[in-house]
């Protein structure tokens, strides 16, 4: 998972560098680069949620399972 985040950050860094150079060259507008960067971020976020869902959801359920007895004690007081 950490490697995936590092790869996404490297890709975004490359796109930011290309965007700054495109102002000098004028091939692709900054609006197109912004659209590409946003789409990569959304795609990466969806991939992270899809792959970590099997790890994240059970952790949250475990937290709820541990927290419910404490919650019922406070409600009972």
Protein backbone atom coordinates (compact mmCIF):
# COMPACT_ATOMS: atom_id res chain seq x y z
CA UNK A 1 0.00 0.00 0.00
CA UNK A 2 2.85 2.37 0.84
CA UNK A 3 4.51 1.60 -2.50
CA UNK A 4 1.28 2.42 -4.31
CA UNK A 5 1.06 5.81 -2.60
CA UNK A 6 4.70 6.52 -3.43
CA UNK A 7 4.11 5.65 -7.10
CA UNK A 8 1.06 7.92 -7.25
CA UNK A 9 3.05 10.76 -5.67
CA UNK A 10 5.86 10.30 -8.20
CA UNK A 11 3.38 10.36 -11.08
CA UNK A 12 1.80 13.53 -9.72
CA UNK A 13 5.21 15.13 -9.28
CA UNK A 14 6.07 14.35 -12.89
CA UNK A 15 2.77 15.86 -14.03
CA UNK A 16 3.37 19.02 -11.98
CA UNK A 17 6.83 19.38 -13.56
CA UNK A 18 5.38 18.89 -17.03
CA UNK A 19 2.65 21.42 -16.27
CA UNK A 20 5.21 24.03 -15.28
CA UNK A 21 7.20 23.36 -18.46
CA UNK A 22 4.11 23.44 -20.65
CA UNK A 23 3.70 27.14 -19.91
CA UNK A 24 7.01 27.71 -21.66
CA UNK A 25 6.35 25.27 -24.51
CA UNK A 26 2.60 25.76 -24.90
CA UNK A 27 1.67 22.25 -26.10
CA UNK A 28 -0.96 21.27 -23.53
CA UNK A 29 -2.87 23.80 -21.49
CA UNK A 30 -2.77 23.89 -17.70
CA UNK A 31 -6.47 23.07 -17.64
CA UNK A 32 -5.81 19.69 -19.27
CA UNK A 33 -3.03 18.92 -16.79
CA UNK A 34 -5.32 19.84 -13.91
CA UNK A 35 -7.95 17.47 -15.26
CA UNK A 36 -5.40 14.68 -15.60
CA UNK A 37 -4.07 15.24 -12.06
CA UNK A 38 -7.56 15.26 -10.54
CA UNK A 39 -8.53 12.10 -12.42
CA UNK A 40 -5.37 10.31 -11.23
CA UNK A 41 -6.08 11.34 -7.63
CA UNK A 42 -9.70 10.14 -7.83
CA UNK A 43 -8.64 6.86 -9.44
CA UNK A 44 -5.93 6.31 -6.80
CA UNK A 45 -8.42 7.06 -4.02
CA UNK A 46 -10.89 4.55 -5.45
CA UNK A 47 -8.19 1.89 -5.76
CA UNK A 48 -7.06 2.47 -2.16
CA UNK A 49 -10.62 2.18 -0.88
CA UNK A 50 -11.28 -0.94 -2.94
CA UNK A 51 -8.11 -2.73 -1.87
CA UNK A 52 -8.04 -1.65 1.75
CA UNK A 53 -11.72 -2.30 2.29
CA UNK A 54 -11.01 -5.83 3.37
CA UNK A 55 -8.61 -4.47 5.99
CA UNK A 56 -10.35 -1.25 6.95
CA UNK A 57 -13.93 -2.42 7.45
CA UNK A 58 -13.13 -5.30 9.84
CA UNK A 59 -10.96 -2.93 11.89
CA UNK A 60 -13.86 -0.48 12.20
CA UNK A 61 -16.25 -3.26 13.16
CA UNK A 62 -13.78 -4.48 15.78
CA UNK A 63 -13.61 -0.95 17.20
CA UNK A 64 -17.40 -0.77 17.38
CA UNK A 65 -17.50 -4.18 19.06
CA UNK A 66 -15.03 -3.04 21.70
CA UNK A 67 -16.73 0.33 22.17
CA UNK A 68 -20.32 -0.90 22.59
CA UNK A 69 -19.96 -2.13 26.20
CA UNK A 70 -18.53 1.24 27.25
CA UNK A 71 -21.35 3.03 25.46
CA UNK A 72 -24.02 0.92 27.15
CA UNK A 73 -22.43 1.64 30.57
CA UNK A 74 -22.68 5.37 30.00
CA UNK A 75 -26.26 5.11 28.73
CA UNK A 76 -27.23 3.02 31.78
CA UNK A 77 -25.98 5.64 34.23
